[in-house]
Amino acid sequence: MNIQRFSLKSIGKELGHLLHRFHIIIFFLVVSAGFGFAVLHINSMLEETATDDTYSSSIDAGSIDAATLDRINDLQKSSQVVSLPRDEGSRANPFGE
């Protein structure tokens, strides 16, 4: 067995050669791992429930006036089809339902 083969200089040279050969793949893996960690970390922060029980809303429950309540009740559901008045001189949207 050749002891010189396992010297620090030869190991460093081999490591440098591998780094030079696979630098794009290593970069891609490091960036992908960073993005994956960021997504998982942000997701876990968003899923945490707020533990602040001292918050109180500044809006009173009975502060909506009658006009606003009528406008809210007049809103249509998203499942209802609304037909808009169409100008006869305009073109029809080919992507419309």
PDB file of N, CA and C in Angstrom:
ATOM      1  N   MET A   1       0.831  -1.167   0.000  1.00  0.00           N
ATOM      2  CA  MET A   1       0.000   0.000   0.000  1.00  0.00           C
ATOM      3  C   MET A   1       0.881   1.238   0.000  1.00  0.00           C
ATOM      4  N   ASN A   2       0.485   2.205  -0.757  1.00  0.00           N
ATOM      5  CA  ASN A   2       1.262   3.436  -0.857  1.00  0.00           C
ATOM      6  C   ASN A   2       0.739   4.448   0.161  1.00  0.00           C
ATOM      7  N   ILE A   3       1.580   4.816   1.128  1.00  0.00           N
ATOM      8  CA  ILE A   3       1.183   5.765   2.172  1.00  0.00           C
ATOM      9  C   ILE A   3       1.029   7.163   1.595  1.00  0.00           C
ATOM     10  N   GLN A   4       1.771   7.489   0.582  1.00  0.00           N
ATOM     11  CA  GLN A   4       1.716   8.822  -0.002  1.00  0.00           C
ATOM     12  C   GLN A   4       0.355   9.076  -0.663  1.00  0.00           C
ATOM     13  N   ARG A   5      -0.295   8.033  -1.055  1.00  0.00           N
ATOM     14  CA  ARG A   5      -1.602   8.168  -1.703  1.00  0.00           C
ATOM     15  C   ARG A   5      -2.633   8.759  -0.748  1.00  0.00           C
ATOM     16  N   PHE A   6      -2.488   8.536   0.548  1.00  0.00           N
ATOM     17  CA  PHE A   6      -3.439   9.010   1.533  1.00  0.00           C
ATOM     18  C   PHE A   6      -2.972  10.282   2.234  1.00  0.00           C
ATOM     19  N   SER A   7      -2.087  11.024   1.649  1.00  0.00           N
ATOM     20  CA  SER A   7      -1.621  12.259   2.273  1.00  0.00           C
ATOM     21  C   SER A   7      -2.682  13.349   2.125  1.00  0.00           C
ATOM     22  N   LEU A   8      -2.577  14.382   2.946  1.00  0.00           N
ATOM     23  CA  LEU A   8      -3.547  15.480   2.904  1.00  0.00           C
ATOM     24  C   LEU A   8      -3.505  16.220   1.580  1.00  0.00           C
ATOM     25  N   LYS A   9      -2.335  16.309   1.011  1.00  0.00           N
ATOM     26  CA  LYS A   9      -2.189  17.008  -0.270  1.00  0.00           C
ATOM     27  C   LYS A   9      -2.955  16.277  -1.369  1.00  0.00           C
ATOM     28  N   SER A  10      -2.835  14.960  -1.412  1.00  0.00           N
ATOM     29  CA  SER A  10      -3.528  14.197  -2.459  1.00  0.00           C
ATOM     30  C   SER A  10      -5.038  14.177  -2.218  1.00  0.00           C
ATOM     31  N   ILE A  11      -5.454  14.125  -0.957  1.00  0.00           N
ATOM     32  CA  ILE A  11      -6.892  14.165  -0.656  1.00  0.00           C
ATOM     33  C   ILE A  11      -7.467  15.522  -1.047  1.00  0.00           C
ATOM     34  N   GLY A  12      -6.740  16.586  -0.751  1.00  0.00           N
ATOM     35  CA  GLY A  12      -7.194  17.920  -1.142  1.00  0.00           C
ATOM     36  C   GLY A  12      -7.261  18.088  -2.641  1.00  0.00           C
ATOM     37  N   LYS A  13      -6.297  17.507  -3.335  1.00  0.00           N
ATOM     38  CA  LYS A  13      -6.292  17.590  -4.791  1.00  0.00           C
ATOM     39  C   LYS A  13      -7.485  16.838  -5.386  1.00  0.00           C
ATOM     40  N   GLU A  14      -7.746  15.642  -4.856  1.00  0.00           N
ATOM     41  CA  GLU A  14      -8.892  14.852  -5.331  1.00  0.00           C
ATOM     42  C   GLU A  14     -10.221  15.562  -5.024  1.00  0.00           C
ATOM     43  N   LEU A  15     -10.292  16.140  -3.836  1.00  0.00           N
ATOM     44  CA  LEU A  15     -11.510  16.866  -3.461  1.00  0.00           C
ATOM     45  C   LEU A  15     -11.711  18.082  -4.351  1.00  0.00           C
ATOM     46  N   GLY A  16     -10.640  18.795  -4.653  1.00  0.00           N
ATOM     47  CA  GLY A  16     -10.713  19.935  -5.560  1.00  0.00           C
ATOM     48  C   GLY A  16     -11.131  19.522  -6.956  1.00  0.00           C
ATOM     49  N   HIS A  17     -10.619  18.372  -7.405  1.00  0.00           N
ATOM     50  CA  HIS A  17     -11.002  17.864  -8.729  1.00  0.00           C
ATOM     51  C   HIS A  17     -12.494  17.518  -8.760  1.00  0.00           C
ATOM     52  N   LEU A  18     -12.993  16.855  -7.704  1.00  0.00           N
ATOM     53  CA  LEU A  18     -14.421  16.520  -7.651  1.00  0.00           C
ATOM     54  C   LEU A  18     -15.281  17.771  -7.560  1.00  0.00           C
ATOM     55  N   LEU A  19     -14.827  18.770  -6.786  1.00  0.00           N
ATOM     56  CA  LEU A  19     -15.567  20.024  -6.667  1.00  0.00           C
ATOM     57  C   LEU A  19     -15.630  20.739  -8.004  1.00  0.00           C
ATOM     58  N   HIS A  20     -14.515  20.732  -8.732  1.00  0.00           N
ATOM     59  CA  HIS A  20     -14.480  21.379 -10.038  1.00  0.00           C
ATOM     60  C   HIS A  20     -15.362  20.637 -11.044  1.00  0.00           C
ATOM     61  N   ARG A  21     -15.402  19.320 -10.931  1.00  0.00           N
ATOM     62  CA  ARG A  21     -16.171  18.531 -11.886  1.00  0.00           C
ATOM     63  C   ARG A  21     -17.677  18.636 -11.640  1.00  0.00           C
ATOM     64  N   PHE A  22     -18.088  18.659 -10.376  1.00  0.00           N
ATOM     65  CA  PHE A  22     -19.510  18.625 -10.043  1.00  0.00           C
ATOM     66  C   PHE A  22     -19.998  19.925  -9.410  1.00  0.00           C
ATOM     67  N   HIS A  23     -19.376  21.059  -9.716  1.00  0.00           N
ATOM     68  CA  HIS A  23     -19.743  22.297  -9.037  1.00  0.00           C
ATOM     69  C   HIS A  23     -21.161  22.756  -9.373  1.00  0.00           C
ATOM     70  N   ILE A  24     -21.648  22.515 -10.565  1.00  0.00           N
ATOM     71  CA  ILE A  24     -23.010  22.936 -10.924  1.00  0.00           C
ATOM     72  C   ILE A  24     -24.038  22.074 -10.194  1.00  0.00           C
ATOM     73  N   ILE A  25     -23.788  20.796 -10.117  1.00  0.00           N
ATOM     74  CA  ILE A  25     -24.716  19.894  -9.420  1.00  0.00           C
ATOM     75  C   ILE A  25     -24.745  20.215  -7.930  1.00  0.00           C
ATOM     76  N   ILE A  26     -23.569  20.462  -7.354  1.00  0.00           N
ATOM     77  CA  ILE A  26     -23.508  20.813  -5.929  1.00  0.00           C
ATOM     78  C   ILE A  26     -24.226  22.129  -5.677  1.00  0.00           C
ATOM     79  N   PHE A  27     -24.030  23.108  -6.554  1.00  0.00           N
ATOM     80  CA  PHE A  27     -24.720  24.387  -6.407  1.00  0.00           C
ATOM     81  C   PHE A  27     -26.224  24.196  -6.476  1.00  0.00           C
ATOM     82  N   PHE A  28     -26.701  23.411  -7.445  1.00  0.00           N
ATOM     83  CA  PHE A  28     -28.127  23.160  -7.593  1.00  0.00           C
ATOM     84  C   PHE A  28     -28.697  22.474  -6.357  1.00  0.00           C
ATOM     85  N   LEU A  29     -27.977  21.514  -5.807  1.00  0.00           N
ATOM     86  CA  LEU A  29     -28.454  20.819  -4.612  1.00  0.00           C
ATOM     87  C   LEU A  29     -28.501  21.739  -3.401  1.00  0.00           C
ATOM     88  N   VAL A  30     -27.500  22.592  -3.241  1.00  0.00           N
ATOM     89  CA  VAL A  30     -27.476  23.521  -2.101  1.00  0.00           C
ATOM     90  C   VAL A  30     -28.604  24.539  -2.221  1.00  0.00           C
ATOM     91  N   VAL A  31     -28.811  25.092  -3.409  1.00  0.00           N
ATOM     92  CA  VAL A  31     -29.891  26.070  -3.604  1.00  0.00           C
ATOM     93  C   VAL A  31     -31.252  25.405  -3.418  1.00  0.00           C
ATOM     94  N   SER A  32     -31.427  24.200  -3.948  1.00  0.00           N
ATOM     95  CA  SER A  32     -32.696  23.483  -3.781  1.00  0.00           C
ATOM     96  C   SER A  32     -32.971  23.184  -2.313  1.00  0.00           C
ATOM     97  N   ALA A  33     -31.953  22.769  -1.586  1.00  0.00           N
ATOM     98  CA  ALA A  33     -32.130  22.506  -0.163  1.00  0.00           C
ATOM     99  C   ALA A  33     -32.475  23.790   0.588  1.00  0.00           C
ATOM    100  N   GLY A  34     -31.859  24.889   0.216  1.00  0.00           N
ATOM    101  CA  GLY A  34     -32.170  26.175   0.849  1.00  0.00           C
ATOM    102  C   GLY A  34     -33.605  26.599   0.599  1.00  0.00           C
ATOM    103  N   PHE A  35     -34.054  26.467  -0.651  1.00  0.00           N
ATOM    104  CA  PHE A  35     -35.445  26.813  -0.962  1.00  0.00           C
ATOM    105  C   PHE A  35     -36.416  25.877  -0.240  1.00  0.00           C
ATOM    106  N   GLY A  36     -36.087  24.603  -0.197  1.00  0.00           N
ATOM    107  CA  GLY A  36     -36.952  23.648   0.507  1.00  0.00           C
ATOM    108  C   GLY A  36     -37.055  23.982   1.981  1.00  0.00           C
ATOM    109  N   PHE A  37     -35.927  24.309   2.608  1.00  0.00           N
ATOM    110  CA  PHE A  37     -35.944  24.703   4.017  1.00  0.00           C
ATOM    111  C   PHE A  37     -36.770  25.964   4.216  1.00  0.00           C
ATOM    112  N   ALA A  38     -36.613  26.947   3.319  1.00  0.00           N
ATOM    113  CA  ALA A  38     -37.369  28.199   3.448  1.00  0.00           C
ATOM    114  C   ALA A  38     -38.871  27.955   3.323  1.00  0.00           C
ATOM    115  N   VAL A  39     -39.271  27.128   2.374  1.00  0.00           N
ATOM    116  CA  VAL A  39     -40.699  26.839   2.188  1.00  0.00           C
ATOM    117  C   VAL A  39     -41.263  26.120   3.406  1.00  0.00           C
ATOM    118  N   LEU A  40     -40.545  25.129   3.905  1.00  0.00           N
ATOM    119  CA  LEU A  40     -41.029  24.402   5.082  1.00  0.00           C
ATOM    120  C   LEU A  40     -41.075  25.303   6.312  1.00  0.00           C
ATOM    121  N   HIS A  41     -40.098  26.171   6.456  1.00  0.00           N
ATOM    122  CA  HIS A  41     -40.068  27.076   7.607  1.00  0.00           C
ATOM    123  C   HIS A  41     -41.209  28.089   7.536  1.00  0.00           C
ATOM    124  N   ILE A  42     -41.433  28.654   6.370  1.00  0.00           N
ATOM    125  CA  ILE A  42     -42.539  29.619   6.211  1.00  0.00           C
ATOM    126  C   ILE A  42     -43.875  28.922   6.404  1.00  0.00           C
ATOM    127  N   ASN A  43     -44.011  27.701   5.886  1.00  0.00           N
ATOM    128  CA  ASN A  43     -45.251  26.952   6.049  1.00  0.00           C
ATOM    129  C   ASN A  43     -45.528  26.664   7.522  1.00  0.00           C
ATOM    130  N   SER A  44     -44.512  26.297   8.269  1.00  0.00           N
ATOM    131  CA  SER A  44     -44.724  26.015   9.692  1.00  0.00           C
ATOM    132  C   SER A  44     -45.062  27.283  10.459  1.00  0.00           C
ATOM    133  N   MET A  45     -44.492  28.418  10.055  1.00  0.00           N
ATOM    134  CA  MET A  45     -44.837  29.679  10.721  1.00  0.00           C
ATOM    135  C   MET A  45     -46.280  30.082  10.430  1.00  0.00           C
ATOM    136  N   LEU A  46     -46.744  29.824   9.200  1.00  0.00           N
ATOM    137  CA  LEU A  46     -48.109  30.192   8.843  1.00  0.00           C
ATOM    138  C   LEU A  46     -49.141  29.289   9.498  1.00  0.00           C
ATOM    139  N   GLU A  47     -48.788  28.048   9.778  1.00  0.00           N
ATOM    140  CA  GLU A  47     -49.731  27.118  10.374  1.00  0.00           C
ATOM    141  C   GLU A  47     -49.846  27.267  11.883  1.00  0.00           C
ATOM    142  N   GLU A  48     -48.911  27.955  12.503  1.00  0.00           N
ATOM    143  CA  GLU A  48     -48.982  28.136  13.948  1.00  0.00           C
ATOM    144  C   GLU A  48     -50.169  29.021  14.298  1.00  0.00           C
ATOM    145  N   THR A  49     -50.875  28.655  15.340  1.00  0.00           N
ATOM    146  CA  THR A  49     -51.993  29.459  15.778  1.00  0.00           C
ATOM    147  C   THR A  49     -51.498  30.577  16.676  1.00  0.00           C
ATOM    148  N   ALA A  50     -52.208  31.671  16.641  1.00  0.00           N
ATOM    149  CA  ALA A  50     -51.829  32.804  17.482  1.00  0.00           C
ATOM    150  C   ALA A  50     -52.173  32.491  18.934  1.00  0.00           C
ATOM    151  N   THR A  51     -51.252  32.784  19.819  1.00  0.00           N
ATOM    152  CA  THR A  51     -51.471  32.504  21.232  1.00  0.00           C
ATOM    153  C   THR A  51     -51.764  33.778  22.016  1.00  0.00           C
ATOM    154  N   ASP A  52     -51.955  34.889  21.307  1.00  0.00           N
ATOM    155  CA  ASP A  52     -52.204  36.161  21.980  1.00  0.00           C
ATOM    156  C   ASP A  52     -53.700  36.279  22.269  1.00  0.00           C
ATOM    157  N   ASP A  53     -54.091  36.014  23.524  1.00  0.00           N
ATOM    158  CA  ASP A  53     -55.495  36.092  23.913  1.00  0.00           C
ATOM    159  C   ASP A  53     -55.878  37.478  24.405  1.00  0.00           C
ATOM    160  N   THR A  54     -54.949  38.410  24.421  1.00  0.00           N
ATOM    161  CA  THR A  54     -55.236  39.748  24.939  1.00  0.00           C
ATOM    162  C   THR A  54     -55.767  40.685  23.868  1.00  0.00           C
ATOM    163  N   TYR A  55     -55.845  40.255  22.604  1.00  0.00           N
ATOM    164  CA  TYR A  55     -56.315  41.125  21.530  1.00  0.00           C
ATOM    165  C   TYR A  55     -57.821  41.295  21.626  1.00  0.00           C
ATOM    166  N   SER A  56     -58.265  42.530  21.506  1.00  0.00           N
ATOM    167  CA  SER A  56     -59.701  42.803  21.439  1.00  0.00           C
ATOM    168  C   SER A  56     -59.958  43.715  20.249  1.00  0.00           C
ATOM    169  N   SER A  57     -60.983  43.392  19.476  1.00  0.00           N
ATOM    170  CA  SER A  57     -61.295  44.145  18.271  1.00  0.00           C
ATOM    171  C   SER A  57     -61.862  45.504  18.625  1.00  0.00           C
ATOM    172  N   SER A  58     -61.540  46.481  17.792  1.00  0.00           N
ATOM    173  CA  SER A  58     -62.057  47.827  18.021  1.00  0.00           C
ATOM    174  C   SER A  58     -63.437  48.018  17.392  1.00  0.00           C
ATOM    175  N   ILE A  59     -63.948  47.007  16.691  1.00  0.00           N
ATOM    176  CA  ILE A  59     -65.254  47.091  16.041  1.00  0.00           C
ATOM    177  C   ILE A  59     -66.284  46.451  16.954  1.00  0.00           C
ATOM    178  N   ASP A  60     -67.351  47.181  17.222  1.00  0.00           N
ATOM    179  CA  ASP A  60     -68.440  46.621  18.011  1.00  0.00           C
ATOM    180  C   ASP A  60     -69.282  45.702  17.130  1.00  0.00           C
ATOM    181  N   ALA A  61     -69.859  44.681  17.732  1.00  0.00           N
ATOM    182  CA  ALA A  61     -70.633  43.713  16.967  1.00  0.00           C
ATOM    183  C   ALA A  61     -71.885  44.323  16.357  1.00  0.00           C
ATOM    184  N   GLY A  62     -72.498  45.303  16.971  1.00  0.00           N
ATOM    185  CA  GLY A  62     -73.727  45.886  16.453  1.00  0.00           C
ATOM    186  C   GLY A  62     -73.522  47.219  15.772  1.00  0.00           C
ATOM    187  N   SER A  63     -72.349  47.458  15.180  1.00  0.00           N
ATOM    188  CA  SER A  63     -72.071  48.778  14.630  1.00  0.00           C
ATOM    189  C   SER A  63     -72.379  48.914  13.142  1.00  0.00           C
ATOM    190  N   ILE A  64     -72.936  47.878  12.491  1.00  0.00           N
ATOM    191  CA  ILE A  64     -73.267  47.981  11.066  1.00  0.00           C
ATOM    192  C   ILE A  64     -74.627  48.641  10.947  1.00  0.00           C
ATOM    193  N   ASP A  65     -74.680  49.674  10.130  1.00  0.00           N
ATOM    194  CA  ASP A  65     -75.962  50.365   9.947  1.00  0.00           C
ATOM    195  C   ASP A  65     -76.831  49.617   8.945  1.00  0.00           C
ATOM    196  N   ALA A  66     -78.082  50.033   8.825  1.00  0.00           N
ATOM    197  CA  ALA A  66     -79.063  49.321   7.999  1.00  0.00           C
ATOM    198  C   ALA A  66     -78.701  49.386   6.519  1.00  0.00           C
ATOM    199  N   ALA A  67     -78.189  50.519   6.048  1.00  0.00           N
ATOM    200  CA  ALA A  67     -77.849  50.647   4.621  1.00  0.00           C
ATOM    201  C   ALA A  67     -76.735  49.672   4.245  1.00  0.00           C
ATOM    202  N   THR A  68     -75.739  49.547   5.088  1.00  0.00           N
ATOM    203  CA  THR A  68     -74.642  48.610   4.815  1.00  0.00           C
ATOM    204  C   THR A  68     -75.136  47.174   4.863  1.00  0.00           C
ATOM    205  N   LEU A  69     -76.016  46.868   5.812  1.00  0.00           N
ATOM    206  CA  LEU A  69     -76.562  45.516   5.915  1.00  0.00           C
ATOM    207  C   LEU A  69     -77.398  45.171   4.686  1.00  0.00           C
ATOM    208  N   ASP A  70     -78.142  46.130   4.155  1.00  0.00           N
ATOM    209  CA  ASP A  70     -78.916  45.889   2.932  1.00  0.00           C
ATOM    210  C   ASP A  70     -77.993  45.625   1.739  1.00  0.00           C
ATOM    211  N   ARG A  71     -76.903  46.367   1.643  1.00  0.00           N
ATOM    212  CA  ARG A  71     -75.960  46.139   0.533  1.00  0.00           C
ATOM    213  C   ARG A  71     -75.301  44.771   0.651  1.00  0.00           C
ATOM    214  N   ILE A  72     -75.002  44.333   1.867  1.00  0.00           N
ATOM    215  CA  ILE A  72     -74.411  43.007   2.061  1.00  0.00           C
ATOM    216  C   ILE A  72     -75.401  41.923   1.666  1.00  0.00           C
ATOM    217  N   ASN A  73     -76.651  42.096   2.029  1.00  0.00           N
ATOM    218  CA  ASN A  73     -77.673  41.100   1.683  1.00  0.00           C
ATOM    219  C   ASN A  73     -77.957  41.075   0.191  1.00  0.00           C
ATOM    220  N   ASP A  74     -77.728  42.182  -0.523  1.00  0.00           N
ATOM    221  CA  ASP A  74     -77.968  42.228  -1.958  1.00  0.00           C
ATOM    222  C   ASP A  74     -76.828  41.602  -2.771  1.00  0.00           C
ATOM    223  N   LEU A  75     -75.733  41.277  -2.145  1.00  0.00           N
ATOM    224  CA  LEU A  75     -74.628  40.646  -2.864  1.00  0.00           C
ATOM    225  C   LEU A  75     -75.043  39.278  -3.371  1.00  0.00           C
ATOM    226  N   GLN A  76     -74.521  38.921  -4.542  1.00  0.00           N
ATOM    227  CA  GLN A  76     -74.864  37.635  -5.131  1.00  0.00           C
ATOM    228  C   GLN A  76     -73.797  36.610  -4.770  1.00  0.00           C
ATOM    229  N   LYS A  77     -74.209  35.364  -4.736  1.00  0.00           N
ATOM    230  CA  LYS A  77     -73.265  34.281  -4.462  1.00  0.00           C
ATOM    231  C   LYS A  77     -72.386  34.048  -5.680  1.00  0.00           C
ATOM    232  N   SER A  78     -71.227  33.464  -5.460  1.00  0.00           N
ATOM    233  CA  SER A  78     -70.313  33.209  -6.574  1.00  0.00           C
ATOM    234  C   SER A  78     -70.848  32.125  -7.509  1.00  0.00           C
ATOM    235  N   SER A  79     -71.779  31.312  -7.044  1.00  0.00           N
ATOM    236  CA  SER A  79     -72.331  30.265  -7.894  1.00  0.00           C
ATOM    237  C   SER A  79     -73.432  30.787  -8.820  1.00  0.00           C
ATOM    238  N   GLN A  80     -73.927  31.992  -8.568  1.00  0.00           N
ATOM    239  CA  GLN A  80     -74.977  32.557  -9.416  1.00  0.00           C
ATOM    240  C   GLN A  80     -74.359  33.147 -10.679  1.00  0.00           C
ATOM    241  N   VAL A  81     -75.038  32.925 -11.801  1.00  0.00           N
ATOM    242  CA  VAL A  81     -74.575  33.435 -13.083  1.00  0.00           C
ATOM    243  C   VAL A  81     -75.164  34.827 -13.277  1.00  0.00           C
ATOM    244  N   VAL A  82     -74.296  35.759 -13.590  1.00  0.00           N
ATOM    245  CA  VAL A  82     -74.728  37.134 -13.798  1.00  0.00           C
ATOM    246  C   VAL A  82     -74.601  37.441 -15.276  1.00  0.00           C
ATOM    247  N   SER A  83     -75.684  37.913 -15.878  1.00  0.00           N
ATOM    248  CA  SER A  83     -75.615  38.303 -17.282  1.00  0.00           C
ATOM    249  C   SER A  83     -75.470  39.820 -17.340  1.00  0.00           C
ATOM    250  N   LEU A  84     -74.399  40.260 -17.933  1.00  0.00           N
ATOM    251  CA  LEU A  84     -74.133  41.683 -18.053  1.00  0.00           C
ATOM    252  C   LEU A  84     -74.761  42.200 -19.328  1.00  0.00           C
ATOM    253  N   PRO A  85     -75.215  43.432 -19.326  1.00  0.00           N
ATOM    254  CA  PRO A  85     -75.762  43.989 -20.573  1.00  0.00           C
ATOM    255  C   PRO A  85     -74.643  44.083 -21.611  1.00  0.00           C
ATOM    256  N   ARG A  86     -74.951  43.672 -22.833  1.00  0.00           N
ATOM    257  CA  ARG A  86     -73.923  43.619 -23.875  1.00  0.00           C
ATOM    258  C   ARG A  86     -74.214  44.664 -24.931  1.00  0.00           C
ATOM    259  N   ASP A  87     -73.186  45.386 -25.265  1.00  0.00           N
ATOM    260  CA  ASP A  87     -73.303  46.374 -26.330  1.00  0.00           C
ATOM    261  C   ASP A  87     -73.254  45.629 -27.661  1.00  0.00           C
ATOM    262  N   GLU A  88     -74.180  45.907 -28.542  1.00  0.00           N
ATOM    263  CA  GLU A  88     -74.284  45.179 -29.804  1.00  0.00           C
ATOM    264  C   GLU A  88     -73.091  45.454 -30.721  1.00  0.00           C
ATOM    265  N   GLY A  89     -72.419  46.578 -30.551  1.00  0.00           N
ATOM    266  CA  GLY A  89     -71.296  46.909 -31.434  1.00  0.00           C
ATOM    267  C   GLY A  89     -69.995  46.274 -30.975  1.00  0.00           C
ATOM    268  N   SER A  90     -69.963  45.646 -29.813  1.00  0.00           N
ATOM    269  CA  SER A  90     -68.703  45.089 -29.303  1.00  0.00           C
ATOM    270  C   SER A  90     -68.569  43.632 -29.700  1.00  0.00           C
ATOM    271  N   ARG A  91     -67.359  43.140 -29.659  1.00  0.00           N
ATOM    272  CA  ARG A  91     -67.101  41.754 -29.991  1.00  0.00           C
ATOM    273  C   ARG A  91     -67.340  40.860 -28.799  1.00  0.00           C
ATOM    274  N   ALA A  92     -67.708  39.630 -29.069  1.00  0.00           N
ATOM    275  CA  ALA A  92     -67.938  38.657 -28.004  1.00  0.00           C
ATOM    276  C   ALA A  92     -66.595  38.073 -27.558  1.00  0.00           C
ATOM    277  N   ASN A  93     -66.498  37.785 -26.274  1.00  0.00           N
ATOM    278  CA  ASN A  93     -65.283  37.179 -25.736  1.00  0.00           C
ATOM    279  C   ASN A  93     -65.309  35.689 -26.035  1.00  0.00           C
ATOM    280  N   PRO A  94     -64.351  35.161 -26.814  1.00  0.00           N
ATOM    281  CA  PRO A  94     -64.373  33.733 -27.139  1.00  0.00           C
ATOM    282  C   PRO A  94     -64.056  32.844 -25.926  1.00  0.00           C
ATOM    283  N   PHE A  95     -63.477  33.421 -24.875  1.00  0.00           N
ATOM    284  CA  PHE A  95     -63.135  32.641 -23.691  1.00  0.00           C
ATOM    285  C   PHE A  95     -64.204  32.716 -22.604  1.00  0.00           C
ATOM    286  N   GLY A  96     -65.247  33.519 -22.835  1.00  0.00           N
ATOM    287  CA  GLY A  96     -66.313  33.650 -21.847  1.00  0.00           C
ATOM    288  C   GLY A  96     -67.170  32.407 -21.807  1.00  0.00           C
ATOM    289  N   GLU A  97     -67.813  32.214 -20.697  1.00  0.00           N
ATOM    290  CA  GLU A  97     -68.671  31.033 -20.550  1.00  0.00           C
ATOM    291  C   GLU A  97     -70.025  31.276 -21.143  1.00  0.00           C
TER     292      GLU A  97
END
